[in-house]
PDB file of N, CA and C in Angstrom:
ATOM      1  N   UNK A   1       7.644 -27.542   0.169  1.00  0.00           N
ATOM      2  CA  UNK A   1       7.583 -26.042   0.249  1.00  0.00           C
ATOM      3  C   UNK A   1       8.495 -25.391  -0.860  1.00  0.00           C
ATOM      4  N   UNK A   2       9.580 -26.019  -1.134  1.00  0.00           N
ATOM      5  CA  UNK A   2      10.541 -25.372  -2.079  1.00  0.00           C
ATOM      6  C   UNK A   2       9.848 -25.485  -3.522  1.00  0.00           C
ATOM      7  N   UNK A   3       9.077 -26.516  -3.820  1.00  0.00           N
ATOM      8  CA  UNK A   3       8.323 -26.564  -5.054  1.00  0.00           C
ATOM      9  C   UNK A   3       7.368 -25.439  -5.219  1.00  0.00           C
ATOM     10  N   UNK A   4       6.737 -25.152  -4.075  1.00  0.00           N
ATOM     11  CA  UNK A   4       5.688 -23.986  -4.182  1.00  0.00           C
ATOM     12  C   UNK A   4       6.342 -22.664  -4.604  1.00  0.00           C
ATOM     13  N   UNK A   5       7.651 -22.504  -4.199  1.00  0.00           N
ATOM     14  CA  UNK A   5       8.405 -21.272  -4.603  1.00  0.00           C
ATOM     15  C   UNK A   5       9.041 -21.522  -6.057  1.00  0.00           C
ATOM     16  N   UNK A   6       9.669 -22.565  -6.256  1.00  0.00           N
ATOM     17  CA  UNK A   6      10.224 -22.839  -7.546  1.00  0.00           C
ATOM     18  C   UNK A   6       9.371 -22.786  -8.760  1.00  0.00           C
ATOM     19  N   UNK A   7       8.021 -23.259  -8.465  1.00  0.00           N
ATOM     20  CA  UNK A   7       7.062 -23.322  -9.606  1.00  0.00           C
ATOM     21  C   UNK A   7       6.382 -21.977  -9.861  1.00  0.00           C
ATOM     22  N   UNK A   8       6.590 -21.118  -8.883  1.00  0.00           N
ATOM     23  CA  UNK A   8       5.842 -19.860  -9.027  1.00  0.00           C
ATOM     24  C   UNK A   8       4.489 -19.832  -8.369  1.00  0.00           C
ATOM     25  N   UNK A   9       3.993 -20.961  -7.890  1.00  0.00           N
ATOM     26  CA  UNK A   9       2.611 -21.012  -7.313  1.00  0.00           C
ATOM     27  C   UNK A   9       2.418 -20.171  -6.053  1.00  0.00           C
ATOM     28  N   UNK A  10       3.482 -19.824  -5.463  1.00  0.00           N
ATOM     29  CA  UNK A  10       3.534 -18.981  -4.238  1.00  0.00           C
ATOM     30  C   UNK A  10       2.767 -17.696  -4.683  1.00  0.00           C
ATOM     31  N   UNK A  11       3.112 -17.234  -5.851  1.00  0.00           N
ATOM     32  CA  UNK A  11       2.560 -15.932  -6.233  1.00  0.00           C
ATOM     33  C   UNK A  11       1.103 -15.974  -6.381  1.00  0.00           C
ATOM     34  N   UNK A  12       0.447 -17.080  -6.789  1.00  0.00           N
ATOM     35  CA  UNK A  12      -0.934 -17.246  -6.883  1.00  0.00           C
ATOM     36  C   UNK A  12      -1.477 -17.077  -5.516  1.00  0.00           C
ATOM     37  N   UNK A  13      -0.926 -17.713  -4.537  1.00  0.00           N
ATOM     38  CA  UNK A  13      -1.378 -17.765  -3.106  1.00  0.00           C
ATOM     39  C   UNK A  13      -1.401 -16.366  -2.556  1.00  0.00           C
ATOM     40  N   UNK A  14      -0.228 -15.513  -2.821  1.00  0.00           N
ATOM     41  CA  UNK A  14      -0.033 -14.291  -2.329  1.00  0.00           C
ATOM     42  C   UNK A  14      -1.145 -13.315  -2.993  1.00  0.00           C
ATOM     43  N   UNK A  15      -1.353 -13.445  -4.348  1.00  0.00           N
ATOM     44  CA  UNK A  15      -2.404 -12.730  -5.069  1.00  0.00           C
ATOM     45  C   UNK A  15      -3.762 -12.912  -4.485  1.00  0.00           C
ATOM     46  N   UNK A  16      -4.084 -14.153  -4.181  1.00  0.00           N
ATOM     47  CA  UNK A  16      -5.368 -14.554  -3.551  1.00  0.00           C
ATOM     48  C   UNK A  16      -5.600 -13.866  -2.191  1.00  0.00           C
ATOM     49  N   UNK A  17      -4.456 -13.864  -1.314  1.00  0.00           N
ATOM     50  CA  UNK A  17      -4.615 -13.163  -0.155  1.00  0.00           C
ATOM     51  C   UNK A  17      -4.714 -11.704  -0.252  1.00  0.00           C
ATOM     52  N   UNK A  18      -3.995 -11.017  -1.396  1.00  0.00           N
ATOM     53  CA  UNK A  18      -4.205  -9.720  -1.685  1.00  0.00           C
ATOM     54  C   UNK A  18      -5.654  -9.395  -2.052  1.00  0.00           C
ATOM     55  N   UNK A  19      -6.207 -10.263  -2.822  1.00  0.00           N
ATOM     56  CA  UNK A  19      -7.640 -10.135  -3.320  1.00  0.00           C
ATOM     57  C   UNK A  19      -8.617 -10.059  -2.125  1.00  0.00           C
ATOM     58  N   UNK A  20      -8.397 -10.975  -1.150  1.00  0.00           N
ATOM     59  CA  UNK A  20      -9.142 -11.163   0.022  1.00  0.00           C
ATOM     60  C   UNK A  20      -9.032  -9.924   0.885  1.00  0.00           C
ATOM     61  N   UNK A  21      -7.702  -9.303   0.989  1.00  0.00           N
ATOM     62  CA  UNK A  21      -7.495  -8.110   1.783  1.00  0.00           C
ATOM     63  C   UNK A  21      -8.172  -7.040   1.211  1.00  0.00           C
ATOM     64  N   UNK A  22      -8.286  -6.946  -0.095  1.00  0.00           N
ATOM     65  CA  UNK A  22      -8.890  -5.816  -0.792  1.00  0.00           C
ATOM     66  C   UNK A  22     -10.385  -5.831  -0.509  1.00  0.00           C
ATOM     67  N   UNK A  23     -11.042  -7.075  -0.598  1.00  0.00           N
ATOM     68  CA  UNK A  23     -12.380  -7.137  -0.303  1.00  0.00           C
ATOM     69  C   UNK A  23     -12.715  -6.821   1.181  1.00  0.00           C
ATOM     70  N   UNK A  24     -12.011  -7.219   2.058  1.00  0.00           N
ATOM     71  CA  UNK A  24     -12.139  -6.965   3.600  1.00  0.00           C
ATOM     72  C   UNK A  24     -12.131  -5.443   3.717  1.00  0.00           C
ATOM     73  N   UNK A  25     -11.085  -4.819   3.147  1.00  0.00           N
ATOM     74  CA  UNK A  25     -10.847  -3.318   3.389  1.00  0.00           C
ATOM     75  C   UNK A  25     -11.920  -2.542   2.736  1.00  0.00           C
ATOM     76  N   UNK A  26     -12.438  -2.939   1.504  1.00  0.00           N
ATOM     77  CA  UNK A  26     -13.424  -2.191   0.969  1.00  0.00           C
ATOM     78  C   UNK A  26     -14.803  -2.354   1.695  1.00  0.00           C
ATOM     79  N   UNK A  27     -15.134  -3.521   2.112  1.00  0.00           N
ATOM     80  CA  UNK A  27     -16.265  -3.786   2.897  1.00  0.00           C
ATOM     81  C   UNK A  27     -16.294  -2.975   4.240  1.00  0.00           C
ATOM     82  N   UNK A  28     -15.199  -3.006   4.784  1.00  0.00           N
ATOM     83  CA  UNK A  28     -14.940  -2.244   6.161  1.00  0.00           C
ATOM     84  C   UNK A  28     -15.225  -0.739   5.961  1.00  0.00           C
ATOM     85  N   UNK A  29     -14.459  -0.298   4.843  1.00  0.00           N
ATOM     86  CA  UNK A  29     -14.661   1.194   4.514  1.00  0.00           C
ATOM     87  C   UNK A  29     -16.204   1.499   4.277  1.00  0.00           C
ATOM     88  N   UNK A  30     -16.818   0.656   3.439  1.00  0.00           N
ATOM     89  CA  UNK A  30     -18.326   1.056   3.135  1.00  0.00           C
ATOM     90  C   UNK A  30     -19.227   0.934   4.392  1.00  0.00           C
ATOM     91  N   UNK A  31     -18.913   0.014   5.296  1.00  0.00           N
ATOM     92  CA  UNK A  31     -19.748  -0.165   6.454  1.00  0.00           C
ATOM     93  C   UNK A  31     -19.458   0.928   7.462  1.00  0.00           C
ATOM     94  N   UNK A  32     -18.233   1.287   7.813  1.00  0.00           N
ATOM     95  CA  UNK A  32     -17.943   2.167   8.767  1.00  0.00           C
ATOM     96  C   UNK A  32     -17.419   3.580   8.387  1.00  0.00           C
ATOM     97  N   UNK A  33     -17.132   3.745   7.084  1.00  0.00           N
ATOM     98  CA  UNK A  33     -16.627   5.058   6.571  1.00  0.00           C
ATOM     99  C   UNK A  33     -15.196   5.315   7.061  1.00  0.00           C
ATOM    100  N   UNK A  34     -14.602   4.298   7.822  1.00  0.00           N
ATOM    101  CA  UNK A  34     -13.164   4.485   8.210  1.00  0.00           C
ATOM    102  C   UNK A  34     -12.378   3.493   7.360  1.00  0.00           C
ATOM    103  N   UNK A  35     -10.995   3.609   7.617  1.00  0.00           N
ATOM    104  CA  UNK A  35     -10.098   2.789   6.878  1.00  0.00           C
ATOM    105  C   UNK A  35      -9.700   3.463   5.560  1.00  0.00           C
ATOM    106  N   UNK A  36      -9.014   2.621   4.699  1.00  0.00           N
ATOM    107  CA  UNK A  36      -8.511   3.098   3.396  1.00  0.00           C
ATOM    108  C   UNK A  36      -9.675   3.180   2.446  1.00  0.00           C
ATOM    109  N   UNK A  37      -9.878   4.304   1.695  1.00  0.00           N
ATOM    110  CA  UNK A  37     -10.772   4.423   0.693  1.00  0.00           C
ATOM    111  C   UNK A  37     -10.378   3.524  -0.418  1.00  0.00           C
ATOM    112  N   UNK A  38     -11.471   2.971  -1.167  1.00  0.00           N
ATOM    113  CA  UNK A  38     -11.140   2.139  -2.294  1.00  0.00           C
ATOM    114  C   UNK A  38     -10.217   2.888  -3.402  1.00  0.00           C
ATOM    115  N   UNK A  39     -10.507   4.140  -3.601  1.00  0.00           N
ATOM    116  CA  UNK A  39      -9.767   4.862  -4.629  1.00  0.00           C
ATOM    117  C   UNK A  39      -8.266   4.986  -4.202  1.00  0.00           C
ATOM    118  N   UNK A  40      -8.050   4.830  -2.911  1.00  0.00           N
ATOM    119  CA  UNK A  40      -6.616   5.057  -2.445  1.00  0.00           C
ATOM    120  C   UNK A  40      -5.888   3.580  -2.534  1.00  0.00           C
ATOM    121  N   UNK A  41      -6.756   2.581  -2.445  1.00  0.00           N
ATOM    122  CA  UNK A  41      -6.345   1.187  -2.383  1.00  0.00           C
ATOM    123  C   UNK A  41      -5.884   0.678  -3.685  1.00  0.00           C
ATOM    124  N   UNK A  42      -6.820   0.861  -4.698  1.00  0.00           N
ATOM    125  CA  UNK A  42      -6.611   0.192  -5.935  1.00  0.00           C
ATOM    126  C   UNK A  42      -5.399   0.327  -6.685  1.00  0.00           C
ATOM    127  N   UNK A  43      -4.787   1.631  -6.799  1.00  0.00           N
ATOM    128  CA  UNK A  43      -3.535   1.730  -7.540  1.00  0.00           C
ATOM    129  C   UNK A  43      -2.370   1.073  -6.847  1.00  0.00           C
ATOM    130  N   UNK A  44      -2.475   1.168  -5.472  1.00  0.00           N
ATOM    131  CA  UNK A  44      -1.355   0.509  -4.801  1.00  0.00           C
ATOM    132  C   UNK A  44      -1.404  -1.083  -4.922  1.00  0.00           C
ATOM    133  N   UNK A  45      -2.603  -1.699  -4.879  1.00  0.00           N
ATOM    134  CA  UNK A  45      -2.727  -3.105  -5.059  1.00  0.00           C
ATOM    135  C   UNK A  45      -2.329  -3.514  -6.446  1.00  0.00           C
ATOM    136  N   UNK A  46      -2.722  -2.759  -7.415  1.00  0.00           N
ATOM    137  CA  UNK A  46      -2.386  -3.030  -8.898  1.00  0.00           C
ATOM    138  C   UNK A  46      -0.885  -3.061  -9.067  1.00  0.00           C
ATOM    139  N   UNK A  47      -0.166  -2.002  -8.455  1.00  0.00           N
ATOM    140  CA  UNK A  47       1.148  -2.061  -8.659  1.00  0.00           C
ATOM    141  C   UNK A  47       1.957  -3.324  -7.986  1.00  0.00           C
ATOM    142  N   UNK A  48       1.407  -3.631  -6.790  1.00  0.00           N
ATOM    143  CA  UNK A  48       2.107  -4.809  -6.159  1.00  0.00           C
ATOM    144  C   UNK A  48       1.664  -6.153  -6.934  1.00  0.00           C
ATOM    145  N   UNK A  49       0.407  -6.214  -7.387  1.00  0.00           N
ATOM    146  CA  UNK A  49      -0.152  -7.288  -7.988  1.00  0.00           C
ATOM    147  C   UNK A  49       0.697  -7.569  -9.300  1.00  0.00           C
ATOM    148  N   UNK A  50       0.855  -6.476 -10.130  1.00  0.00           N
ATOM    149  CA  UNK A  50       1.700  -6.657 -11.392  1.00  0.00           C
ATOM    150  C   UNK A  50       3.093  -7.035 -11.054  1.00  0.00           C
ATOM    151  N   UNK A  51       3.807  -6.498  -9.869  1.00  0.00           N
ATOM    152  CA  UNK A  51       5.003  -7.051  -9.552  1.00  0.00           C
ATOM    153  C   UNK A  51       5.093  -8.426  -9.338  1.00  0.00           C
ATOM    154  N   UNK A  52       4.088  -8.959  -8.604  1.00  0.00           N
ATOM    155  CA  UNK A  52       4.018 -10.306  -8.248  1.00  0.00           C
ATOM    156  C   UNK A  52       3.776 -11.241  -9.496  1.00  0.00           C
ATOM    157  N   UNK A  53       3.035 -10.732 -10.404  1.00  0.00           N
ATOM    158  CA  UNK A  53       2.880 -11.388 -11.777  1.00  0.00           C
ATOM    159  C   UNK A  53       4.123 -11.538 -12.452  1.00  0.00           C
ATOM    160  N   UNK A  54       5.049 -10.449 -12.375  1.00  0.00           N
ATOM    161  CA  UNK A  54       6.363 -10.432 -13.122  1.00  0.00           C
ATOM    162  C   UNK A  54       7.214 -11.492 -12.361  1.00  0.00           C
ATOM    163  N   UNK A  55       7.166 -11.598 -10.990  1.00  0.00           N
ATOM    164  CA  UNK A  55       7.805 -12.519 -10.274  1.00  0.00           C
ATOM    165  C   UNK A  55       7.498 -13.911 -10.650  1.00  0.00           C
ATOM    166  N   UNK A  56       6.113 -14.181 -10.709  1.00  0.00           N
ATOM    167  CA  UNK A  56       5.627 -15.459 -10.969  1.00  0.00           C
ATOM    168  C   UNK A  56       6.082 -15.914 -12.419  1.00  0.00           C
ATOM    169  N   UNK A  57       6.065 -15.022 -13.330  1.00  0.00           N
ATOM    170  CA  UNK A  57       6.434 -15.243 -14.637  1.00  0.00           C
ATOM    171  C   UNK A  57       7.972 -15.621 -14.695  1.00  0.00           C
ATOM    172  N   UNK A  58       8.840 -14.904 -13.887  1.00  0.00           N
ATOM    173  CA  UNK A  58      10.236 -15.153 -13.924  1.00  0.00           C
ATOM    174  C   UNK A  58      10.457 -16.594 -13.209  1.00  0.00           C
ATOM    175  N   UNK A  59       9.740 -16.871 -12.224  1.00  0.00           N
ATOM    176  CA  UNK A  59       9.953 -18.249 -11.568  1.00  0.00           C
ATOM    177  C   UNK A  59       9.583 -19.308 -12.473  1.00  0.00           C
ATOM    178  N   UNK A  60       8.534 -19.114 -13.260  1.00  0.00           N
ATOM    179  CA  UNK A  60       8.038 -20.256 -14.043  1.00  0.00           C
ATOM    180  C   UNK A  60       8.596 -20.242 -15.422  1.00  0.00           C
ATOM    181  N   UNK A  61       9.462 -19.477 -15.833  1.00  0.00           N
ATOM    182  CA  UNK A  61      10.109 -19.460 -17.061  1.00  0.00           C
ATOM    183  C   UNK A  61       9.186 -18.960 -18.228  1.00  0.00           C
ATOM    184  N   UNK A  62       8.441 -17.824 -17.895  1.00  0.00           N
ATOM    185  CA  UNK A  62       7.516 -17.204 -18.853  1.00  0.00           C
ATOM    186  C   UNK A  62       8.484 -16.357 -19.881  1.00  0.00           C
ATOM    187  N   UNK A  63       7.965 -16.211 -21.078  1.00  0.00           N
ATOM    188  CA  UNK A  63       8.646 -15.404 -22.134  1.00  0.00           C
ATOM    189  C   UNK A  63       8.894 -14.003 -21.403  1.00  0.00           C
ATOM    190  N   UNK A  64      10.107 -13.404 -21.730  1.00  0.00           N
ATOM    191  CA  UNK A  64      10.591 -12.201 -21.070  1.00  0.00           C
ATOM    192  C   UNK A  64       9.610 -11.035 -21.433  1.00  0.00           C
ATOM    193  N   UNK A  65       8.905 -11.090 -22.602  1.00  0.00           N
ATOM    194  CA  UNK A  65       7.967 -10.037 -23.000  1.00  0.00           C
ATOM    195  C   UNK A  65       6.879  -9.837 -22.034  1.00  0.00           C
ATOM    196  N   UNK A  66       6.347 -10.950 -21.580  1.00  0.00           N
ATOM    197  CA  UNK A  66       5.279 -10.949 -20.502  1.00  0.00           C
ATOM    198  C   UNK A  66       5.707 -10.406 -19.240  1.00  0.00           C
ATOM    199  N   UNK A  67       6.822 -10.706 -18.773  1.00  0.00           N
ATOM    200  CA  UNK A  67       7.527 -10.251 -17.580  1.00  0.00           C
ATOM    201  C   UNK A  67       7.688  -8.656 -17.676  1.00  0.00           C
ATOM    202  N   UNK A  68       8.160  -8.230 -18.901  1.00  0.00           N
ATOM    203  CA  UNK A  68       8.415  -6.813 -19.057  1.00  0.00           C
ATOM    204  C   UNK A  68       7.014  -6.095 -19.101  1.00  0.00           C
ATOM    205  N   UNK A  69       6.073  -6.585 -19.712  1.00  0.00           N
ATOM    206  CA  UNK A  69       4.674  -6.099 -19.721  1.00  0.00           C
ATOM    207  C   UNK A  69       4.186  -5.912 -18.240  1.00  0.00           C
ATOM    208  N   UNK A  70       4.349  -6.897 -17.407  1.00  0.00           N
ATOM    209  CA  UNK A  70       3.885  -6.832 -16.039  1.00  0.00           C
ATOM    210  C   UNK A  70       4.678  -5.776 -15.330  1.00  0.00           C
ATOM    211  N   UNK A  71       5.954  -5.660 -15.549  1.00  0.00           N
ATOM    212  CA  UNK A  71       6.805  -4.726 -14.811  1.00  0.00           C
ATOM    213  C   UNK A  71       6.425  -3.219 -15.244  1.00  0.00           C
ATOM    214  N   UNK A  72       6.012  -3.143 -16.596  1.00  0.00           N
ATOM    215  CA  UNK A  72       5.610  -1.784 -17.062  1.00  0.00           C
ATOM    216  C   UNK A  72       4.292  -1.430 -16.546  1.00  0.00           C
ATOM    217  N   UNK A  73       3.399  -2.422 -16.435  1.00  0.00           N
ATOM    218  CA  UNK A  73       2.005  -2.098 -15.924  1.00  0.00           C
ATOM    219  C   UNK A  73       2.136  -1.799 -14.316  1.00  0.00           C
ATOM    220  N   UNK A  74       3.093  -2.433 -13.668  1.00  0.00           N
ATOM    221  CA  UNK A  74       3.315  -2.022 -12.248  1.00  0.00           C
ATOM    222  C   UNK A  74       3.858  -0.589 -12.088  1.00  0.00           C
ATOM    223  N   UNK A  75       4.726  -0.269 -13.062  1.00  0.00           N
ATOM    224  CA  UNK A  75       5.232   1.151 -13.021  1.00  0.00           C
ATOM    225  C   UNK A  75       4.183   2.119 -13.248  1.00  0.00           C
ATOM    226  N   UNK A  76       3.311   1.836 -14.302  1.00  0.00           N
ATOM    227  CA  UNK A  76       2.170   2.725 -14.594  1.00  0.00           C
ATOM    228  C   UNK A  76       1.093   2.848 -13.436  1.00  0.00           C
ATOM    229  N   UNK A  77       0.922   1.703 -12.766  1.00  0.00           N
ATOM    230  CA  UNK A  77      -0.005   1.856 -11.595  1.00  0.00           C
ATOM    231  C   UNK A  77       0.711   2.656 -10.417  1.00  0.00           C
ATOM    232  N   UNK A  78       1.998   2.461 -10.217  1.00  0.00           N
ATOM    233  CA  UNK A  78       2.743   3.167  -9.112  1.00  0.00           C
ATOM    234  C   UNK A  78       2.675   4.622  -9.477  1.00  0.00           C
ATOM    235  N   UNK A  79       2.962   4.899 -10.817  1.00  0.00           N
ATOM    236  CA  UNK A  79       2.893   6.405 -11.085  1.00  0.00           C
ATOM    237  C   UNK A  79       1.557   7.072 -10.967  1.00  0.00           C
ATOM    238  N   UNK A  80       0.486   6.301 -11.243  1.00  0.00           N
ATOM    239  CA  UNK A  80      -0.829   6.742 -11.062  1.00  0.00           C
ATOM    240  C   UNK A  80      -1.124   7.041  -9.626  1.00  0.00           C
ATOM    241  N   UNK A  81      -0.712   6.209  -8.742  1.00  0.00           N
ATOM    242  CA  UNK A  81      -0.856   6.260  -7.275  1.00  0.00           C
ATOM    243  C   UNK A  81      -0.061   7.459  -6.841  1.00  0.00           C
ATOM    244  N   UNK A  82       1.217   7.685  -7.242  1.00  0.00           N
ATOM    245  CA  UNK A  82       1.971   8.876  -6.847  1.00  0.00           C
ATOM    246  C   UNK A  82       1.223  10.152  -7.383  1.00  0.00           C
ATOM    247  N   UNK A  83       0.708  10.139  -8.620  1.00  0.00           N
ATOM    248  CA  UNK A  83       0.057  11.335  -9.123  1.00  0.00           C
ATOM    249  C   UNK A  83      -1.219  11.844  -8.243  1.00  0.00           C
ATOM    250  N   UNK A  84      -1.911  10.680  -7.905  1.00  0.00           N
ATOM    251  CA  UNK A  84      -3.188  10.786  -7.071  1.00  0.00           C
ATOM    252  C   UNK A  84      -2.738  11.344  -5.645  1.00  0.00           C
ATOM    253  N   UNK A  85      -1.679  10.894  -5.111  1.00  0.00           N
ATOM    254  CA  UNK A  85      -1.228  11.403  -3.875  1.00  0.00           C
ATOM    255  C   UNK A  85      -0.737  12.753  -3.964  1.00  0.00           C
ATOM    256  N   UNK A  86      -0.009  13.133  -4.995  1.00  0.00           N
ATOM    257  CA  UNK A  86       0.442  14.497  -5.048  1.00  0.00           C
ATOM    258  C   UNK A  86      -0.686  15.475  -5.311  1.00  0.00           C
ATOM    259  N   UNK A  87      -1.658  15.133  -6.084  1.00  0.00           N
ATOM    260  CA  UNK A  87      -2.810  15.979  -6.289  1.00  0.00           C
ATOM    261  C   UNK A  87      -3.620  16.150  -5.036  1.00  0.00           C
ATOM    262  N   UNK A  88      -3.727  15.189  -4.156  1.00  0.00           N
ATOM    263  CA  UNK A  88      -4.438  15.376  -2.914  1.00  0.00           C
ATOM    264  C   UNK A  88      -3.679  16.231  -1.890  1.00  0.00           C
ATOM    265  N   UNK A  89      -2.351  16.073  -1.957  1.00  0.00           N
ATOM    266  CA  UNK A  89      -1.553  16.962  -1.107  1.00  0.00           C
ATOM    267  C   UNK A  89      -1.631  18.471  -1.548  1.00  0.00           C
ATOM    268  N   UNK A  90      -1.644  18.639  -2.790  1.00  0.00           N
ATOM    269  CA  UNK A  90      -1.745  20.061  -3.370  1.00  0.00           C
ATOM    270  C   UNK A  90      -3.018  20.633  -3.130  1.00  0.00           C
ATOM    271  N   UNK A  91      -4.116  19.958  -3.262  1.00  0.00           N
ATOM    272  CA  UNK A  91      -5.474  20.462  -2.957  1.00  0.00           C
ATOM    273  C   UNK A  91      -5.840  20.724  -1.502  1.00  0.00           C
ATOM    274  N   UNK A  92      -5.489  19.630  -0.682  1.00  0.00           N
ATOM    275  CA  UNK A  92      -5.892  19.833   0.731  1.00  0.00           C
ATOM    276  C   UNK A  92      -4.912  19.511   1.784  1.00  0.00           C
ATOM    277  N   UNK A  93      -3.694  19.166   1.433  1.00  0.00           N
ATOM    278  CA  UNK A  93      -2.771  18.776   2.313  1.00  0.00           C
ATOM    279  C   UNK A  93      -2.847  17.287   2.721  1.00  0.00           C
ATOM    280  N   UNK A  94      -2.083  16.911   3.474  1.00  0.00           N
ATOM    281  CA  UNK A  94      -2.048  15.495   4.018  1.00  0.00           C
ATOM    282  C   UNK A  94      -3.356  15.166   4.685  1.00  0.00           C
ATOM    283  N   UNK A  95      -3.730  13.798   4.713  1.00  0.00           N
ATOM    284  CA  UNK A  95      -4.899  13.396   5.351  1.00  0.00           C
ATOM    285  C   UNK A  95      -4.961  13.839   6.791  1.00  0.00           C
ATOM    286  N   UNK A  96      -5.978  14.154   7.495  1.00  0.00           N
ATOM    287  CA  UNK A  96      -5.943  14.620   8.884  1.00  0.00           C
ATOM    288  C   UNK A  96      -5.502  13.485   9.725  1.00  0.00           C
ATOM    289  N   UNK A  97      -4.695  13.863  10.721  1.00  0.00           N
ATOM    290  CA  UNK A  97      -4.217  12.889  11.652  1.00  0.00           C
ATOM    291  C   UNK A  97      -4.959  12.908  12.991  1.00  0.00           C
ATOM    292  N   UNK A  98      -5.108  11.869  13.733  1.00  0.00           N
ATOM    293  CA  UNK A  98      -5.801  11.875  14.903  1.00  0.00           C
ATOM    294  C   UNK A  98      -4.995  12.690  15.993  1.00  0.00           C
ATOM    295  N   UNK A  99      -5.850  13.592  16.634  1.00  0.00           N
ATOM    296  CA  UNK A  99      -5.069  14.405  17.735  1.00  0.00           C
ATOM    297  C   UNK A  99      -4.427  13.516  18.814  1.00  0.00           C
ATOM    298  N   UNK A 100      -3.395  13.984  19.175  1.00  0.00           N
ATOM    299  CA  UNK A 100      -2.738  13.321  20.311  1.00  0.00           C
ATOM    300  C   UNK A 100      -3.046  14.033  21.606  1.00  0.00           C
ATOM    301  N   UNK A 101      -2.939  13.343  22.695  1.00  0.00           N
ATOM    302  CA  UNK A 101      -3.375  13.916  23.883  1.00  0.00           C
ATOM    303  C   UNK A 101      -2.304  14.637  24.491  1.00  0.00           C
ATOM    304  N   UNK A 102      -2.513  15.554  25.339  1.00  0.00           N
ATOM    305  CA  UNK A 102      -1.479  16.584  25.876  1.00  0.00           C
ATOM    306  C   UNK A 102      -0.357  15.623  26.564  1.00  0.00           C
ATOM    307  N   UNK A 103      -0.742  14.575  27.235  1.00  0.00           N
ATOM    308  CA  UNK A 103       0.258  13.781  27.960  1.00  0.00           C
ATOM    309  C   UNK A 103       1.204  13.055  26.963  1.00  0.00           C
ATOM    310  N   UNK A 104       0.723  12.508  25.793  1.00  0.00           N
ATOM    311  CA  UNK A 104       1.499  11.880  24.854  1.00  0.00           C
ATOM    312  C   UNK A 104       2.477  12.944  24.200  1.00  0.00           C
ATOM    313  N   UNK A 105       2.009  14.086  23.981  1.00  0.00           N
ATOM    314  CA  UNK A 105       2.895  15.143  23.318  1.00  0.00           C
ATOM    315  C   UNK A 105       3.978  15.462  24.342  1.00  0.00           C
ATOM    316  N   UNK A 106       3.708  15.590  25.553  1.00  0.00           N
ATOM    317  CA  UNK A 106       4.658  15.820  26.599  1.00  0.00           C
ATOM    318  C   UNK A 106       5.744  14.823  26.615  1.00  0.00           C
ATOM    319  N   UNK A 107       5.272  13.479  26.718  1.00  0.00           N
ATOM    320  CA  UNK A 107       6.149  12.314  26.807  1.00  0.00           C
ATOM    321  C   UNK A 107       7.068  12.257  25.528  1.00  0.00           C
ATOM    322  N   UNK A 108       6.650  12.534  24.406  1.00  0.00           N
ATOM    323  CA  UNK A 108       7.241  12.295  23.137  1.00  0.00           C
ATOM    324  C   UNK A 108       8.379  13.466  22.916  1.00  0.00           C
ATOM    325  N   UNK A 109       8.142  14.545  23.568  1.00  0.00           N
ATOM    326  CA  UNK A 109       9.109  15.681  23.345  1.00  0.00           C
ATOM    327  C   UNK A 109       8.730  16.554  22.337  1.00  0.00           C
ATOM    328  N   UNK A 110       7.430  16.528  21.917  1.00  0.00           N
ATOM    329  CA  UNK A 110       6.958  17.462  20.987  1.00  0.00           C
ATOM    330  C   UNK A 110       7.060  18.903  21.235  1.00  0.00           C
ATOM    331  N   UNK A 111       7.816  19.730  20.384  1.00  0.00           N
ATOM    332  CA  UNK A 111       8.018  21.124  20.772  1.00  0.00           C
ATOM    333  C   UNK A 111       6.885  21.960  20.930  1.00  0.00           C
ATOM    334  N   UNK A 112       5.759  21.602  20.463  1.00  0.00           N
ATOM    335  CA  UNK A 112       4.490  22.291  20.341  1.00  0.00           C
ATOM    336  C   UNK A 112       3.659  21.907  21.769  1.00  0.00           C
ATOM    337  N   UNK A 113       4.224  21.009  22.384  1.00  0.00           N
ATOM    338  CA  UNK A 113       3.433  20.652  23.574  1.00  0.00           C
ATOM    339  C   UNK A 113       3.571  21.736  24.644  1.00  0.00           C
ATOM    340  N   UNK A 114       2.656  21.680  25.690  1.00  0.00           N
ATOM    341  CA  UNK A 114       2.950  22.571  26.848  1.00  0.00           C
ATOM    342  C   UNK A 114       3.697  21.873  27.733  1.00  0.00           C
ATOM    343  N   UNK A 115       4.579  22.622  28.540  1.00  0.00           N
ATOM    344  CA  UNK A 115       5.473  22.011  29.524  1.00  0.00           C
ATOM    345  C   UNK A 115       6.825  21.826  28.962  1.00  0.00           C
ATOM    346  N   UNK A 116       7.657  21.365  29.679  1.00  0.00           N
ATOM    347  CA  UNK A 116       9.131  21.435  29.264  1.00  0.00           C
ATOM    348  C   UNK A 116       9.398  20.050  28.460  1.00  0.00           C
ATOM    349  N   UNK A 117      10.434  20.083  27.644  1.00  0.00           N
ATOM    350  CA  UNK A 117      10.770  18.922  26.899  1.00  0.00           C
ATOM    351  C   UNK A 117      11.641  18.122  27.726  1.00  0.00           C
ATOM    352  N   UNK A 118      11.531  16.714  27.596  1.00  0.00           N
ATOM    353  CA  UNK A 118      12.404  15.926  28.353  1.00  0.00           C
ATOM    354  C   UNK A 118      13.907  16.045  28.117  1.00  0.00           C
ATOM    355  N   UNK A 119      14.593  16.070  29.251  1.00  0.00           N
ATOM    356  CA  UNK A 119      16.048  16.191  29.077  1.00  0.00           C
ATOM    357  C   UNK A 119      16.479  17.649  29.263  1.00  0.00           C
ATOM    358  N   UNK A 120      15.510  18.579  29.562  1.00  0.00           N
ATOM    359  CA  UNK A 120      15.926  19.974  29.773  1.00  0.00           C
ATOM    360  C   UNK A 120      15.648  20.505  31.114  1.00  0.00           C
TER     361      UNK A 120
END
């Protein structure tokens, strides 16, 4: 197990699981219309994937230039994700949340709920 980490091969396994996760999430979204939209998923996965590539390069002794490139690419993907989120917030606000039942608002102490707040 220590060789898996020392050699950096663990990064390849994690990237494979990330790719499988992406496929499952995209298929689920296309079939049901629910879940994370592919446009929301890609920049986030790219940022994480490039960070993993930088880690794998560092663990395996890759030239520092490739590690720096992977880190810069991760930053670019992260900034693209932040920009996309900021634009969607400016245009239409945060994504809609599922409505909570009256009973759960009352138990949680939501000040907008009907009835008294717990502890009063």
